[in-house]
Amino acid sequence: MADFPIPDLIRGLWQLPYEVRQEVYQLLRRNLGLKADQPLLVASDEQADTFARLSAERVLKLYARSSLLAPLADRLELLILLTQDFAKPPDDDFMEAHRAYGDDLIEAGLPLLVVAGKLLPSLTVALRRSAREGLEPDQIKQVDWLVQRVLPLRVALLLESYLTNLHSAVYESSLEEFLRVTDMSRALYDNMRRAEEGSD
């Protein structure tokens, strides 16, 4: 396994090359006892779809009580994806999907505090209640295990993506304002930055 420096990981998972992220995913699966070729939740397509929709609708009901969470009301499809994905194996594609989910959360206009503090508990409640309504006893046990071990990882990946994309959006906005004020072209700015990086 490749040896990557911890400071690189501290700067952000999505800042790492894909090959290094794959190494991180392998470590995460090993520590959580997951296999890249085995689904997290063993269920039929119909069961998985029903479980996902029930869970997503429950989350939205919880969010409806808070004005801070209202922007997510138009993101039912995101919540369905998050819950439906539990029927997939936790391979590299599964992990990488959270990068796009971060874009969706930013587009929904959710504050960082909401993503960090509200998403995990609301999904926990929704998944457990929906499992008891539409799944078999052995599947309910699987969901309880997923809530304890895998859901926190998923929210962490989602939050990492959110923070990375938010930082990028703020950077681009600030850069556009700088270029406007200084009347500098983006091409000139990029050339200056590359020259500075090359001199290090």
C-alpha atoms as a PDB file:
ATOM      1  CA  MET A   1       0.000   0.000   0.000  1.00  0.00           C
ATOM      2  CA  ALA A   2       1.279   3.441  -0.943  1.00  0.00           C
ATOM      3  CA  ASP A   3       2.622   5.656   1.797  1.00  0.00           C
ATOM      4  CA  PHE A   4       0.964   9.077   1.569  1.00  0.00           C
ATOM      5  CA  PRO A   5       1.854  11.957   3.899  1.00  0.00           C
ATOM      6  CA  ILE A   6      -0.704  12.806   6.584  1.00  0.00           C
ATOM      7  CA  PRO A   7      -0.561  16.559   5.799  1.00  0.00           C
ATOM      8  CA  ASP A   8      -1.946  15.771   2.337  1.00  0.00           C
ATOM      9  CA  LEU A   9      -4.938  14.060   3.910  1.00  0.00           C
ATOM     10  CA  ILE A  10      -5.411  16.931   6.366  1.00  0.00           C
ATOM     11  CA  ARG A  11      -5.740  19.352   3.443  1.00  0.00           C
ATOM     12  CA  GLY A  12      -8.741  17.375   2.255  1.00  0.00           C
ATOM     13  CA  LEU A  13      -9.595  13.952   0.887  1.00  0.00           C
ATOM     14  CA  TRP A  14     -10.767  15.303  -2.447  1.00  0.00           C
ATOM     15  CA  GLN A  15      -7.499  17.197  -2.904  1.00  0.00           C
ATOM     16  CA  LEU A  16      -5.637  13.874  -3.111  1.00  0.00           C
ATOM     17  CA  PRO A  17      -5.020  12.092  -6.431  1.00  0.00           C
ATOM     18  CA  TYR A  18      -7.609   9.430  -7.212  1.00  0.00           C
ATOM     19  CA  GLU A  19      -5.073   6.634  -6.779  1.00  0.00           C
ATOM     20  CA  VAL A  20      -4.340   7.836  -3.238  1.00  0.00           C
ATOM     21  CA  ARG A  21      -8.036   8.200  -2.446  1.00  0.00           C
ATOM     22  CA  GLN A  22      -8.421   4.557  -3.446  1.00  0.00           C
ATOM     23  CA  GLU A  23      -5.830   3.683  -0.799  1.00  0.00           C
ATOM     24  CA  VAL A  24      -7.830   5.642   1.778  1.00  0.00           C
ATOM     25  CA  TYR A  25     -11.041   3.832   0.803  1.00  0.00           C
ATOM     26  CA  GLN A  26      -9.292   0.495   1.200  1.00  0.00           C
ATOM     27  CA  LEU A  27      -8.176   1.459   4.705  1.00  0.00           C
ATOM     28  CA  LEU A  28     -11.677   2.621   5.619  1.00  0.00           C
ATOM     29  CA  ARG A  29     -13.235  -0.635   4.414  1.00  0.00           C
ATOM     30  CA  ARG A  30     -10.671  -2.692   6.297  1.00  0.00           C
ATOM     31  CA  ASN A  31     -11.236  -0.779   9.548  1.00  0.00           C
ATOM     32  CA  LEU A  32     -15.021  -1.060   9.248  1.00  0.00           C
ATOM     33  CA  GLY A  33     -15.044  -4.693   8.170  1.00  0.00           C
ATOM     34  CA  LEU A  34     -16.546  -3.935   4.763  1.00  0.00           C
ATOM     35  CA  LYS A  35     -15.975  -5.675   1.434  1.00  0.00           C
ATOM     36  CA  ALA A  36     -15.961  -3.787  -1.844  1.00  0.00           C
ATOM     37  CA  ASP A  37     -17.906  -6.545  -3.628  1.00  0.00           C
ATOM     38  CA  GLN A  38     -20.646  -7.122  -1.033  1.00  0.00           C
ATOM     39  CA  PRO A  39     -23.714  -4.859  -0.634  1.00  0.00           C
ATOM     40  CA  LEU A  40     -24.098  -3.060   2.675  1.00  0.00           C
ATOM     41  CA  LEU A  41     -27.739  -4.104   2.919  1.00  0.00           C
ATOM     42  CA  VAL A  42     -28.890  -7.394   1.416  1.00  0.00           C
ATOM     43  CA  ALA A  43     -32.313  -6.577  -0.034  1.00  0.00           C
ATOM     44  CA  SER A  44     -34.304  -6.953  -3.222  1.00  0.00           C
ATOM     45  CA  ASP A  45     -34.588  -3.981  -5.574  1.00  0.00           C
ATOM     46  CA  GLU A  46     -38.177  -3.437  -4.460  1.00  0.00           C
ATOM     47  CA  GLN A  47     -37.249  -3.531  -0.774  1.00  0.00           C
ATOM     48  CA  ALA A  48     -34.320  -1.168  -1.329  1.00  0.00           C
ATOM     49  CA  ASP A  49     -36.455   1.311  -3.270  1.00  0.00           C
ATOM     50  CA  THR A  50     -39.235   1.289  -0.670  1.00  0.00           C
ATOM     51  CA  PHE A  51     -36.768   1.603   2.200  1.00  0.00           C
ATOM     52  CA  ALA A  52     -35.025   4.516   0.484  1.00  0.00           C
ATOM     53  CA  ARG A  53     -38.218   6.438  -0.237  1.00  0.00           C
ATOM     54  CA  LEU A  54     -39.653   5.920   3.248  1.00  0.00           C
ATOM     55  CA  SER A  55     -36.389   7.061   4.818  1.00  0.00           C
ATOM     56  CA  ALA A  56     -36.128  10.125   2.578  1.00  0.00           C
ATOM     57  CA  GLU A  57     -39.715  11.155   3.270  1.00  0.00           C
ATOM     58  CA  ARG A  58     -39.172  10.781   7.008  1.00  0.00           C
ATOM     59  CA  VAL A  59     -36.089  12.999   6.864  1.00  0.00           C
ATOM     60  CA  LEU A  60     -38.078  15.647   5.011  1.00  0.00           C
ATOM     61  CA  LYS A  61     -40.796  15.548   7.666  1.00  0.00           C
ATOM     62  CA  LEU A  62     -38.165  16.164  10.322  1.00  0.00           C
ATOM     63  CA  TYR A  63     -36.705  19.000   8.258  1.00  0.00           C
ATOM     64  CA  ALA A  64     -40.115  20.594   7.735  1.00  0.00           C
ATOM     65  CA  ARG A  65     -40.065  21.675  11.386  1.00  0.00           C
ATOM     66  CA  SER A  66     -37.009  23.869  10.835  1.00  0.00           C
ATOM     67  CA  SER A  67     -36.679  26.877   8.535  1.00  0.00           C
ATOM     68  CA  LEU A  68     -32.924  26.190   8.303  1.00  0.00           C
ATOM     69  CA  LEU A  69     -33.599  22.833   6.681  1.00  0.00           C
ATOM     70  CA  ALA A  70     -36.292  24.024   4.311  1.00  0.00           C
ATOM     71  CA  PRO A  71     -33.927  24.323   1.294  1.00  0.00           C
ATOM     72  CA  LEU A  72     -33.441  20.552   1.344  1.00  0.00           C
ATOM     73  CA  ALA A  73     -37.148  20.029   0.709  1.00  0.00           C
ATOM     74  CA  ASP A  74     -36.408  20.316  -3.005  1.00  0.00           C
ATOM     75  CA  ARG A  75     -33.670  17.705  -2.757  1.00  0.00           C
ATOM     76  CA  LEU A  76     -35.783  14.587  -2.219  1.00  0.00           C
ATOM     77  CA  GLU A  77     -33.811  12.830  -4.939  1.00  0.00           C
ATOM     78  CA  LEU A  78     -30.568  13.424  -3.027  1.00  0.00           C
ATOM     79  CA  LEU A  79     -31.983  11.878   0.137  1.00  0.00           C
ATOM     80  CA  ILE A  80     -33.313   8.920  -1.834  1.00  0.00           C
ATOM     81  CA  LEU A  81     -29.859   8.388  -3.355  1.00  0.00           C
ATOM     82  CA  LEU A  82     -28.204   8.550   0.047  1.00  0.00           C
ATOM     83  CA  THR A  83     -30.508   5.912   1.488  1.00  0.00           C
ATOM     84  CA  GLN A  84     -30.839   3.773  -1.642  1.00  0.00           C
ATOM     85  CA  ASP A  85     -27.063   3.494  -1.868  1.00  0.00           C
ATOM     86  CA  PHE A  86     -27.094   1.270   1.219  1.00  0.00           C
ATOM     87  CA  ALA A  87     -28.120  -1.570  -1.086  1.00  0.00           C
ATOM     88  CA  LYS A  88     -24.876  -1.144  -3.056  1.00  0.00           C
ATOM     89  CA  PRO A  89     -21.399  -2.461  -2.276  1.00  0.00           C
ATOM     90  CA  PRO A  90     -19.055   0.120  -0.696  1.00  0.00           C
ATOM     91  CA  ASP A  91     -16.611   0.089  -3.596  1.00  0.00           C
ATOM     92  CA  ASP A  92     -14.580   3.057  -4.818  1.00  0.00           C
ATOM     93  CA  ASP A  93     -17.467   4.351  -6.954  1.00  0.00           C
ATOM     94  CA  PHE A  94     -19.700   4.316  -3.858  1.00  0.00           C
ATOM     95  CA  MET A  95     -17.174   6.446  -1.967  1.00  0.00           C
ATOM     96  CA  GLU A  96     -16.583   8.821  -4.868  1.00  0.00           C
ATOM     97  CA  ALA A  97     -20.323   9.496  -5.251  1.00  0.00           C
ATOM     98  CA  HIS A  98     -20.229  11.600  -2.075  1.00  0.00           C
ATOM     99  CA  ARG A  99     -18.212  14.207  -3.912  1.00  0.00           C
ATOM    100  CA  ALA A 100     -21.183  14.995  -6.148  1.00  0.00           C
ATOM    101  CA  TYR A 101     -23.559  14.929  -3.174  1.00  0.00           C
ATOM    102  CA  GLY A 102     -21.586  17.822  -1.672  1.00  0.00           C
ATOM    103  CA  ASP A 103     -22.389  19.888  -4.777  1.00  0.00           C
ATOM    104  CA  ASP A 104     -26.078  19.131  -4.282  1.00  0.00           C
ATOM    105  CA  LEU A 105     -26.012  20.345  -0.691  1.00  0.00           C
ATOM    106  CA  ILE A 106     -24.362  23.615  -1.669  1.00  0.00           C
ATOM    107  CA  GLU A 107     -26.902  24.110  -4.467  1.00  0.00           C
ATOM    108  CA  ALA A 108     -29.639  23.566  -1.885  1.00  0.00           C
ATOM    109  CA  GLY A 109     -28.199  26.469   0.093  1.00  0.00           C
ATOM    110  CA  LEU A 110     -27.775  24.536   3.333  1.00  0.00           C
ATOM    111  CA  PRO A 111     -25.638  26.242   6.010  1.00  0.00           C
ATOM    112  CA  LEU A 112     -22.577  24.337   7.205  1.00  0.00           C
ATOM    113  CA  LEU A 113     -24.046  24.054  10.723  1.00  0.00           C
ATOM    114  CA  VAL A 114     -27.054  22.199   9.336  1.00  0.00           C
ATOM    115  CA  VAL A 115     -24.961  19.749   7.335  1.00  0.00           C
ATOM    116  CA  ALA A 116     -22.606  19.100  10.239  1.00  0.00           C
ATOM    117  CA  GLY A 117     -25.149  18.903  13.040  1.00  0.00           C
ATOM    118  CA  LYS A 118     -28.487  17.826  11.608  1.00  0.00           C
ATOM    119  CA  LEU A 119     -27.889  15.356   8.808  1.00  0.00           C
ATOM    120  CA  LEU A 120     -26.561  12.419  10.849  1.00  0.00           C
ATOM    121  CA  PRO A 121     -29.234  12.376  13.606  1.00  0.00           C
ATOM    122  CA  SER A 122     -32.096  12.862  11.147  1.00  0.00           C
ATOM    123  CA  LEU A 123     -30.870  10.061   8.882  1.00  0.00           C
ATOM    124  CA  THR A 124     -30.332   7.817  11.910  1.00  0.00           C
ATOM    125  CA  VAL A 125     -33.932   8.212  13.053  1.00  0.00           C
ATOM    126  CA  ALA A 126     -35.342   7.845   9.540  1.00  0.00           C
ATOM    127  CA  LEU A 127     -33.353   4.734   8.636  1.00  0.00           C
ATOM    128  CA  ARG A 128     -34.200   2.886  11.825  1.00  0.00           C
ATOM    129  CA  ARG A 129     -37.923   3.670  11.678  1.00  0.00           C
ATOM    130  CA  SER A 130     -38.183   2.813   7.987  1.00  0.00           C
ATOM    131  CA  ALA A 131     -36.345  -0.467   8.511  1.00  0.00           C
ATOM    132  CA  ARG A 132     -38.816  -1.542  11.172  1.00  0.00           C
ATOM    133  CA  GLU A 133     -41.686  -0.750   8.853  1.00  0.00           C
ATOM    134  CA  GLY A 134     -40.584  -2.362   5.595  1.00  0.00           C
ATOM    135  CA  LEU A 135     -37.743  -4.840   6.147  1.00  0.00           C
ATOM    136  CA  GLU A 136     -37.274  -8.327   7.542  1.00  0.00           C
ATOM    137  CA  PRO A 137     -35.832  -8.921  11.070  1.00  0.00           C
ATOM    138  CA  ASP A 138     -32.380  -9.876   9.782  1.00  0.00           C
ATOM    139  CA  GLN A 139     -32.343  -6.803   7.544  1.00  0.00           C
ATOM    140  CA  ILE A 140     -33.323  -4.603  10.495  1.00  0.00           C
ATOM    141  CA  LYS A 141     -30.212  -5.849  12.288  1.00  0.00           C
ATOM    142  CA  GLN A 142     -28.156  -4.950   9.220  1.00  0.00           C
ATOM    143  CA  VAL A 143     -29.582  -1.423   9.249  1.00  0.00           C
ATOM    144  CA  ASP A 144     -28.819  -1.018  12.960  1.00  0.00           C
ATOM    145  CA  TRP A 145     -25.206  -1.978  12.229  1.00  0.00           C
ATOM    146  CA  LEU A 146     -25.057   0.373   9.232  1.00  0.00           C
ATOM    147  CA  VAL A 147     -26.372   3.255  11.324  1.00  0.00           C
ATOM    148  CA  GLN A 148     -23.671   2.684  13.939  1.00  0.00           C
ATOM    149  CA  ARG A 149     -20.684   2.054  11.670  1.00  0.00           C
ATOM    150  CA  VAL A 150     -21.297   3.156   8.079  1.00  0.00           C
ATOM    151  CA  LEU A 151     -23.648   6.139   8.339  1.00  0.00           C
ATOM    152  CA  PRO A 152     -21.128   8.291  10.285  1.00  0.00           C
ATOM    153  CA  LEU A 153     -18.565   7.553   7.565  1.00  0.00           C
ATOM    154  CA  ARG A 154     -21.001   8.570   4.852  1.00  0.00           C
ATOM    155  CA  VAL A 155     -21.860  11.826   6.589  1.00  0.00           C
ATOM    156  CA  ALA A 156     -18.140  12.513   7.104  1.00  0.00           C
ATOM    157  CA  LEU A 157     -17.483  11.993   3.376  1.00  0.00           C
ATOM    158  CA  LEU A 158     -20.440  14.189   2.558  1.00  0.00           C
ATOM    159  CA  LEU A 159     -19.238  16.916   4.903  1.00  0.00           C
ATOM    160  CA  GLU A 160     -15.733  16.684   3.446  1.00  0.00           C
ATOM    161  CA  SER A 161     -17.179  17.156  -0.022  1.00  0.00           C
ATOM    162  CA  TYR A 162     -19.359  20.035   1.156  1.00  0.00           C
ATOM    163  CA  LEU A 163     -16.403  21.836   2.744  1.00  0.00           C
ATOM    164  CA  THR A 164     -14.179  21.293  -0.285  1.00  0.00           C
ATOM    165  CA  ASN A 165     -16.783  22.604  -2.686  1.00  0.00           C
ATOM    166  CA  LEU A 166     -17.710  25.491  -0.412  1.00  0.00           C
ATOM    167  CA  HIS A 167     -14.068  26.545  -0.176  1.00  0.00           C
ATOM    168  CA  SER A 168     -13.783  26.356  -3.958  1.00  0.00           C
ATOM    169  CA  ALA A 169     -16.923  28.445  -4.432  1.00  0.00           C
ATOM    170  CA  VAL A 170     -15.712  31.108  -1.980  1.00  0.00           C
ATOM    171  CA  TYR A 171     -12.291  31.153  -3.643  1.00  0.00           C
ATOM    172  CA  GLU A 172     -13.753  31.612  -7.113  1.00  0.00           C
ATOM    173  CA  SER A 173     -16.071  34.365  -5.916  1.00  0.00           C
ATOM    174  CA  SER A 174     -13.211  36.223  -4.219  1.00  0.00           C
ATOM    175  CA  LEU A 175     -10.989  35.774  -7.257  1.00  0.00           C
ATOM    176  CA  GLU A 176     -13.627  37.166  -9.602  1.00  0.00           C
ATOM    177  CA  GLU A 177     -13.959  40.235  -7.390  1.00  0.00           C
ATOM    178  CA  PHE A 178     -10.159  40.662  -7.279  1.00  0.00           C
ATOM    179  CA  LEU A 179      -9.895  40.435 -11.078  1.00  0.00           C
ATOM    180  CA  ARG A 180     -12.725  42.930 -11.483  1.00  0.00           C
ATOM    181  CA  VAL A 181     -11.171  45.469  -9.115  1.00  0.00           C
ATOM    182  CA  THR A 182      -7.646  45.117 -10.543  1.00  0.00           C
ATOM    183  CA  ASP A 183      -8.843  44.840 -14.154  1.00  0.00           C
ATOM    184  CA  MET A 184      -6.571  41.800 -14.535  1.00  0.00           C
ATOM    185  CA  SER A 185      -7.449  38.994 -16.947  1.00  0.00           C
ATOM    186  CA  ARG A 186      -7.883  35.450 -15.664  1.00  0.00           C
ATOM    187  CA  ALA A 187      -5.233  34.232 -18.123  1.00  0.00           C
ATOM    188  CA  LEU A 188      -2.683  36.716 -16.755  1.00  0.00           C
ATOM    189  CA  TYR A 189      -3.526  35.743 -13.188  1.00  0.00           C
ATOM    190  CA  ASP A 190      -3.111  32.023 -13.975  1.00  0.00           C
ATOM    191  CA  ASN A 191       0.233  32.651 -15.676  1.00  0.00           C
ATOM    192  CA  MET A 192       1.493  34.629 -12.660  1.00  0.00           C
ATOM    193  CA  ARG A 193       0.388  31.867 -10.292  1.00  0.00           C
ATOM    194  CA  ARG A 194       2.103  29.163 -12.327  1.00  0.00           C
ATOM    195  CA  ALA A 195       5.289  31.237 -12.448  1.00  0.00           C
ATOM    196  CA  GLU A 196       5.195  31.687  -8.680  1.00  0.00           C
ATOM    197  CA  GLU A 197       4.605  27.968  -8.096  1.00  0.00           C
ATOM    198  CA  GLY A 198       7.492  27.144 -10.424  1.00  0.00           C
ATOM    199  CA  SER A 199       9.866  29.331  -8.446  1.00  0.00           C
ATOM    200  CA  ASP A 200       9.273  27.409  -5.162  1.00  0.00           C
END
